Amino acid sequence: MPGKYCEYDREEIKAILKIRLSKKRFAHSLNVAEMAVKLSKKHGGDSEKAYVAGLVHDICKEIPASEQLEMALECGRNFTATEQLIPPLYHSAAGAWYCENILKIEDEDILNAVRYHTAARAGMSLLEEIIYLADLTGDDRSYKDVGKMRKLAMENVDAAMLEALSFSVKDVVNKKSLIPESTMEAYNYYAGKKHN
């Protein structure tokens, strides 16, 4: 039976993911979906949407970069010239394209949550924020301050987004890599909310 937001139900989506992803990435996707539900319930979001978006967020992560780029360019969701120079970001726009065109997901909120789960953007919806944070705080994550990040994500979405974006921007600057415009706009947006 089809799901509420997709032609496929949860089990069918999982079967597709098992084919497209390594065991580790599949487990990560399940963890993100579960964390997204927890965050959704805590912050008054739609937990069914959160589960679906969490499941599919990395659906194009492990296909060749050339295929990711092709889909990303077709995505039509402001895939910028800067992002075209950053291969690790291709999979999010490619994933949004795949979800819309192959899985037939029509829900804009889910599609944008997949699209912006790596680069973020200013004015994200609650679902977009939840997927961004769930990706960082799922049970498979083990970086130094992950416990602090999980606690913050449960307590205050805006504060968690600012913390996550601060970390992301610092990391990219330290690597002397490119920063997508949407990431800087997101950082300024959440920093501005803190100062208002």
C-alpha atoms as a PDB file:
ATOM      1  CA  MET A   1       0.000   0.000   0.000  1.00  0.00           C
ATOM      2  CA  PRO A   2       1.437   3.412  -0.921  1.00  0.00           C
ATOM      3  CA  GLY A   3       2.548   5.780   1.814  1.00  0.00           C
ATOM      4  CA  LYS A   4       0.908   9.119   2.501  1.00  0.00           C
ATOM      5  CA  TYR A   5       3.612  11.158   0.753  1.00  0.00           C
ATOM      6  CA  CYS A   6       4.934   8.709  -1.794  1.00  0.00           C
ATOM      7  CA  GLU A   7       3.899   6.004  -4.270  1.00  0.00           C
ATOM      8  CA  TYR A   8       5.906   3.601  -2.088  1.00  0.00           C
ATOM      9  CA  ASP A   9       5.299   2.604   1.524  1.00  0.00           C
ATOM     10  CA  ARG A  10       8.045   2.536   4.176  1.00  0.00           C
ATOM     11  CA  GLU A  11       9.061  -1.065   3.517  1.00  0.00           C
ATOM     12  CA  GLU A  12       9.260  -0.491  -0.239  1.00  0.00           C
ATOM     13  CA  ILE A  13      11.432   2.595   0.312  1.00  0.00           C
ATOM     14  CA  LYS A  14      13.699   0.562   2.600  1.00  0.00           C
ATOM     15  CA  ALA A  15      13.995  -2.126  -0.077  1.00  0.00           C
ATOM     16  CA  ILE A  16      15.030   0.522  -2.641  1.00  0.00           C
ATOM     17  CA  LEU A  17      17.565   1.961  -0.178  1.00  0.00           C
ATOM     18  CA  LYS A  18      19.040  -1.491   0.495  1.00  0.00           C
ATOM     19  CA  ILE A  19      19.793  -1.817  -3.213  1.00  0.00           C
ATOM     20  CA  ARG A  20      21.183   1.736  -3.592  1.00  0.00           C
ATOM     21  CA  LEU A  21      23.193   2.050  -0.362  1.00  0.00           C
ATOM     22  CA  SER A  22      25.940   0.222   1.510  1.00  0.00           C
ATOM     23  CA  LYS A  23      24.977  -1.464   4.803  1.00  0.00           C
ATOM     24  CA  LYS A  24      26.562   1.375   6.755  1.00  0.00           C
ATOM     25  CA  ARG A  25      24.744   4.103   4.796  1.00  0.00           C
ATOM     26  CA  PHE A  26      21.468   2.174   5.004  1.00  0.00           C
ATOM     27  CA  ALA A  27      21.859   1.948   8.800  1.00  0.00           C
ATOM     28  CA  HIS A  28      22.630   5.690   8.866  1.00  0.00           C
ATOM     29  CA  SER A  29      19.425   6.412   6.926  1.00  0.00           C
ATOM     30  CA  LEU A  30      17.357   4.389   9.412  1.00  0.00           C
ATOM     31  CA  ASN A  31      19.035   6.231  12.311  1.00  0.00           C
ATOM     32  CA  VAL A  32      18.308   9.619  10.746  1.00  0.00           C
ATOM     33  CA  ALA A  33      14.661   8.641  10.168  1.00  0.00           C
ATOM     34  CA  GLU A  34      14.303   7.544  13.808  1.00  0.00           C
ATOM     35  CA  MET A  35      15.990  10.680  15.171  1.00  0.00           C
ATOM     36  CA  ALA A  36      13.838  12.820  12.865  1.00  0.00           C
ATOM     37  CA  VAL A  37      10.714  11.262  14.400  1.00  0.00           C
ATOM     38  CA  LYS A  38      11.992  11.984  17.936  1.00  0.00           C
ATOM     39  CA  LEU A  39      12.782  15.600  17.064  1.00  0.00           C
ATOM     40  CA  SER A  40       9.453  15.957  15.265  1.00  0.00           C
ATOM     41  CA  LYS A  41       7.482  14.725  18.259  1.00  0.00           C
ATOM     42  CA  LYS A  42       9.460  16.992  20.582  1.00  0.00           C
ATOM     43  CA  HIS A  43       9.032  20.136  18.470  1.00  0.00           C
ATOM     44  CA  GLY A  44       5.517  19.629  17.076  1.00  0.00           C
ATOM     45  CA  GLY A  45       6.409  18.510  13.560  1.00  0.00           C
ATOM     46  CA  ASP A  46       4.859  15.897  11.289  1.00  0.00           C
ATOM     47  CA  SER A  47       6.576  12.668  12.335  1.00  0.00           C
ATOM     48  CA  GLU A  48       5.424  10.704   9.263  1.00  0.00           C
ATOM     49  CA  LYS A  49       6.941  13.294   6.916  1.00  0.00           C
ATOM     50  CA  ALA A  50      10.059  13.359   9.085  1.00  0.00           C
ATOM     51  CA  TYR A  51      10.429   9.574   8.850  1.00  0.00           C
ATOM     52  CA  VAL A  52      10.093   9.542   5.058  1.00  0.00           C
ATOM     53  CA  ALA A  53      12.500  12.476   4.597  1.00  0.00           C
ATOM     54  CA  GLY A  54      14.997  10.901   7.001  1.00  0.00           C
ATOM     55  CA  LEU A  55      14.876   7.601   5.133  1.00  0.00           C
ATOM     56  CA  VAL A  56      15.486   9.112   1.698  1.00  0.00           C
ATOM     57  CA  HIS A  57      17.856  11.993   2.521  1.00  0.00           C
ATOM     58  CA  ASP A  58      20.987  10.129   1.298  1.00  0.00           C
ATOM     59  CA  ILE A  59      19.353   8.080  -1.461  1.00  0.00           C
ATOM     60  CA  CYS A  60      21.866   9.332  -4.075  1.00  0.00           C
ATOM     61  CA  LYS A  61      24.922   9.495  -1.807  1.00  0.00           C
ATOM     62  CA  GLU A  62      26.701   6.434  -3.191  1.00  0.00           C
ATOM     63  CA  ILE A  63      26.139   6.652  -6.931  1.00  0.00           C
ATOM     64  CA  PRO A  64      28.971   8.044  -9.094  1.00  0.00           C
ATOM     65  CA  ALA A  65      29.564  11.803  -8.717  1.00  0.00           C
ATOM     66  CA  SER A  66      28.968  12.325 -12.446  1.00  0.00           C
ATOM     67  CA  GLU A  67      25.445  10.848 -12.107  1.00  0.00           C
ATOM     68  CA  GLN A  68      24.818  12.895  -8.958  1.00  0.00           C
ATOM     69  CA  LEU A  69      25.822  16.071 -10.797  1.00  0.00           C
ATOM     70  CA  GLU A  70      23.583  15.260 -13.761  1.00  0.00           C
ATOM     71  CA  MET A  71      20.553  14.843 -11.474  1.00  0.00           C
ATOM     72  CA  ALA A  72      21.516  17.885  -9.370  1.00  0.00           C
ATOM     73  CA  LEU A  73      21.608  20.081 -12.469  1.00  0.00           C
ATOM     74  CA  GLU A  74      18.114  18.819 -13.384  1.00  0.00           C
ATOM     75  CA  CYS A  75      16.826  19.343  -9.863  1.00  0.00           C
ATOM     76  CA  GLY A  76      15.605  22.917 -10.390  1.00  0.00           C
ATOM     77  CA  ARG A  77      16.045  23.815  -6.718  1.00  0.00           C
ATOM     78  CA  ASN A  78      18.657  26.542  -6.919  1.00  0.00           C
ATOM     79  CA  PHE A  79      21.685  24.284  -7.343  1.00  0.00           C
ATOM     80  CA  THR A  80      24.257  27.075  -7.499  1.00  0.00           C
ATOM     81  CA  ALA A  81      27.508  27.497  -9.413  1.00  0.00           C
ATOM     82  CA  THR A  82      29.391  27.292  -6.107  1.00  0.00           C
ATOM     83  CA  GLU A  83      27.717  23.993  -5.210  1.00  0.00           C
ATOM     84  CA  GLN A  84      28.658  22.645  -8.640  1.00  0.00           C
ATOM     85  CA  LEU A  85      32.294  22.974  -7.509  1.00  0.00           C
ATOM     86  CA  ILE A  86      31.722  20.933  -4.307  1.00  0.00           C
ATOM     87  CA  PRO A  87      31.121  17.221  -5.150  1.00  0.00           C
ATOM     88  CA  PRO A  88      30.148  16.221  -1.538  1.00  0.00           C
ATOM     89  CA  LEU A  89      27.087  18.472  -1.915  1.00  0.00           C
ATOM     90  CA  TYR A  90      25.819  16.944  -5.176  1.00  0.00           C
ATOM     91  CA  HIS A  91      23.902  14.139  -3.484  1.00  0.00           C
ATOM     92  CA  SER A  92      21.399  16.415  -1.754  1.00  0.00           C
ATOM     93  CA  ALA A  93      20.163  18.111  -4.938  1.00  0.00           C
ATOM     94  CA  ALA A  94      20.393  14.780  -6.789  1.00  0.00           C
ATOM     95  CA  GLY A  95      18.364  13.171  -4.001  1.00  0.00           C
ATOM     96  CA  ALA A  96      15.648  15.819  -4.301  1.00  0.00           C
ATOM     97  CA  TRP A  97      15.481  15.148  -8.057  1.00  0.00           C
ATOM     98  CA  TYR A  98      15.345  11.372  -7.509  1.00  0.00           C
ATOM     99  CA  CYS A  99      12.631  11.656  -4.846  1.00  0.00           C
ATOM    100  CA  GLU A 100      10.491  13.864  -7.065  1.00  0.00           C
ATOM    101  CA  ASN A 101      10.973  12.056 -10.368  1.00  0.00           C
ATOM    102  CA  ILE A 102      11.539   8.415  -9.431  1.00  0.00           C
ATOM    103  CA  LEU A 103       9.822   7.988  -6.058  1.00  0.00           C
ATOM    104  CA  LYS A 104       7.106  10.463  -7.132  1.00  0.00           C
ATOM    105  CA  ILE A 105       7.200  12.392  -3.863  1.00  0.00           C
ATOM    106  CA  GLU A 106       5.235  15.592  -4.468  1.00  0.00           C
ATOM    107  CA  ASP A 107       5.482  17.100  -0.994  1.00  0.00           C
ATOM    108  CA  GLU A 108       7.634  20.260  -1.319  1.00  0.00           C
ATOM    109  CA  ASP A 109       8.635  20.159   2.344  1.00  0.00           C
ATOM    110  CA  ILE A 110      10.112  16.646   2.031  1.00  0.00           C
ATOM    111  CA  LEU A 111      11.843  17.536  -1.243  1.00  0.00           C
ATOM    112  CA  ASN A 112      13.375  20.669   0.304  1.00  0.00           C
ATOM    113  CA  ALA A 113      14.431  18.736   3.416  1.00  0.00           C
ATOM    114  CA  VAL A 114      16.395  16.360   1.164  1.00  0.00           C
ATOM    115  CA  ARG A 115      17.731  19.238  -0.954  1.00  0.00           C
ATOM    116  CA  TYR A 116      19.052  21.292   1.990  1.00  0.00           C
ATOM    117  CA  HIS A 117      20.151  18.622   4.472  1.00  0.00           C
ATOM    118  CA  THR A 118      23.838  19.362   3.783  1.00  0.00           C
ATOM    119  CA  ALA A 119      24.131  23.032   2.789  1.00  0.00           C
ATOM    120  CA  ALA A 120      21.116  24.396   4.752  1.00  0.00           C
ATOM    121  CA  ARG A 121      19.489  27.720   3.835  1.00  0.00           C
ATOM    122  CA  ALA A 122      17.913  30.746   5.500  1.00  0.00           C
ATOM    123  CA  GLY A 123      14.279  30.352   6.512  1.00  0.00           C
ATOM    124  CA  MET A 124      14.199  26.561   6.588  1.00  0.00           C
ATOM    125  CA  SER A 125      10.912  24.905   7.516  1.00  0.00           C
ATOM    126  CA  LEU A 126      10.728  22.904  10.735  1.00  0.00           C
ATOM    127  CA  LEU A 127      10.999  19.674   8.710  1.00  0.00           C
ATOM    128  CA  GLU A 128      14.116  20.929   6.894  1.00  0.00           C
ATOM    129  CA  GLU A 129      15.691  21.849  10.246  1.00  0.00           C
ATOM    130  CA  ILE A 130      14.758  18.483  11.731  1.00  0.00           C
ATOM    131  CA  ILE A 131      16.377  16.515   8.882  1.00  0.00           C
ATOM    132  CA  TYR A 132      19.489  18.712   9.013  1.00  0.00           C
ATOM    133  CA  LEU A 133      19.801  18.102  12.767  1.00  0.00           C
ATOM    134  CA  ALA A 134      18.801  14.418  12.653  1.00  0.00           C
ATOM    135  CA  ASP A 135      21.587  13.822  10.130  1.00  0.00           C
ATOM    136  CA  LEU A 136      24.060  15.220  12.687  1.00  0.00           C
ATOM    137  CA  THR A 137      22.621  13.565  15.787  1.00  0.00           C
ATOM    138  CA  GLY A 138      21.442  10.069  14.801  1.00  0.00           C
ATOM    139  CA  ASP A 139      22.571   7.136  16.949  1.00  0.00           C
ATOM    140  CA  ASP A 140      25.384   6.249  14.528  1.00  0.00           C
ATOM    141  CA  ARG A 141      27.129   9.613  15.012  1.00  0.00           C
ATOM    142  CA  SER A 142      30.090   9.574  17.414  1.00  0.00           C
ATOM    143  CA  TYR A 143      32.013  12.855  16.970  1.00  0.00           C
ATOM    144  CA  LYS A 144      33.396  14.655  20.029  1.00  0.00           C
ATOM    145  CA  ASP A 145      30.419  16.828  21.063  1.00  0.00           C
ATOM    146  CA  VAL A 146      27.584  14.724  19.650  1.00  0.00           C
ATOM    147  CA  GLY A 147      25.965  14.320  23.092  1.00  0.00           C
ATOM    148  CA  LYS A 148      25.849  18.093  23.536  1.00  0.00           C
ATOM    149  CA  MET A 149      24.450  18.482  20.010  1.00  0.00           C
ATOM    150  CA  ARG A 150      21.713  15.870  20.636  1.00  0.00           C
ATOM    151  CA  LYS A 151      20.685  17.626  23.855  1.00  0.00           C
ATOM    152  CA  LEU A 152      20.591  21.031  22.153  1.00  0.00           C
ATOM    153  CA  ALA A 153      18.565  19.663  19.208  1.00  0.00           C
ATOM    154  CA  MET A 154      15.963  18.337  21.649  1.00  0.00           C
ATOM    155  CA  GLU A 155      15.830  21.611  23.587  1.00  0.00           C
ATOM    156  CA  ASN A 156      15.980  24.392  20.986  1.00  0.00           C
ATOM    157  CA  VAL A 157      15.963  24.026  17.203  1.00  0.00           C
ATOM    158  CA  ASP A 158      17.231  27.560  16.470  1.00  0.00           C
ATOM    159  CA  ALA A 159      20.142  27.248  18.918  1.00  0.00           C
ATOM    160  CA  ALA A 160      20.994  23.800  17.551  1.00  0.00           C
ATOM    161  CA  MET A 161      20.950  25.094  13.968  1.00  0.00           C
ATOM    162  CA  LEU A 162      23.267  27.980  14.877  1.00  0.00           C
ATOM    163  CA  GLU A 163      25.647  25.606  16.682  1.00  0.00           C
ATOM    164  CA  ALA A 164      25.630  23.143  13.778  1.00  0.00           C
ATOM    165  CA  LEU A 165      26.174  25.847  11.168  1.00  0.00           C
ATOM    166  CA  SER A 166      28.952  27.470  13.234  1.00  0.00           C
ATOM    167  CA  PHE A 167      30.727  24.120  13.348  1.00  0.00           C
ATOM    168  CA  SER A 168      30.177  23.525   9.630  1.00  0.00           C
ATOM    169  CA  VAL A 169      31.435  26.970   8.571  1.00  0.00           C
ATOM    170  CA  LYS A 170      34.530  26.705  10.830  1.00  0.00           C
ATOM    171  CA  ASP A 171      35.291  23.247   9.438  1.00  0.00           C
ATOM    172  CA  VAL A 172      35.022  24.411   5.828  1.00  0.00           C
ATOM    173  CA  VAL A 173      37.152  27.512   6.518  1.00  0.00           C
ATOM    174  CA  ASN A 174      39.819  25.359   8.192  1.00  0.00           C
ATOM    175  CA  LYS A 175      39.943  23.193   5.067  1.00  0.00           C
ATOM    176  CA  LYS A 176      40.062  26.335   2.902  1.00  0.00           C
ATOM    177  CA  SER A 177      37.124  24.959   0.935  1.00  0.00           C
ATOM    178  CA  LEU A 178      34.235  26.780  -0.706  1.00  0.00           C
ATOM    179  CA  ILE A 179      31.194  27.774   1.356  1.00  0.00           C
ATOM    180  CA  PRO A 180      27.860  27.628  -0.488  1.00  0.00           C
ATOM    181  CA  GLU A 181      25.946  30.901  -0.443  1.00  0.00           C
ATOM    182  CA  SER A 182      22.951  29.189   1.153  1.00  0.00           C
ATOM    183  CA  THR A 183      25.115  28.010   4.081  1.00  0.00           C
ATOM    184  CA  MET A 184      26.325  31.547   4.797  1.00  0.00           C
ATOM    185  CA  GLU A 185      22.777  32.862   4.473  1.00  0.00           C
ATOM    186  CA  ALA A 186      21.604  30.155   6.886  1.00  0.00           C
ATOM    187  CA  TYR A 187      24.337  31.016   9.385  1.00  0.00           C
ATOM    188  CA  ASN A 188      23.448  34.721   9.253  1.00  0.00           C
ATOM    189  CA  TYR A 189      19.751  33.897   9.550  1.00  0.00           C
ATOM    190  CA  TYR A 190      20.157  31.821  12.728  1.00  0.00           C
ATOM    191  CA  ALA A 191      22.783  34.177  14.194  1.00  0.00           C
ATOM    192  CA  GLY A 192      20.355  37.040  13.523  1.00  0.00           C
ATOM    193  CA  LYS A 193      17.540  35.199  15.324  1.00  0.00           C
ATOM    194  CA  LYS A 194      19.779  34.877  18.379  1.00  0.00           C
ATOM    195  CA  HIS A 195      20.422  38.629  18.440  1.00  0.00           C
ATOM    196  CA  ASN A 196      16.765  39.651  18.000  1.00  0.00           C
END
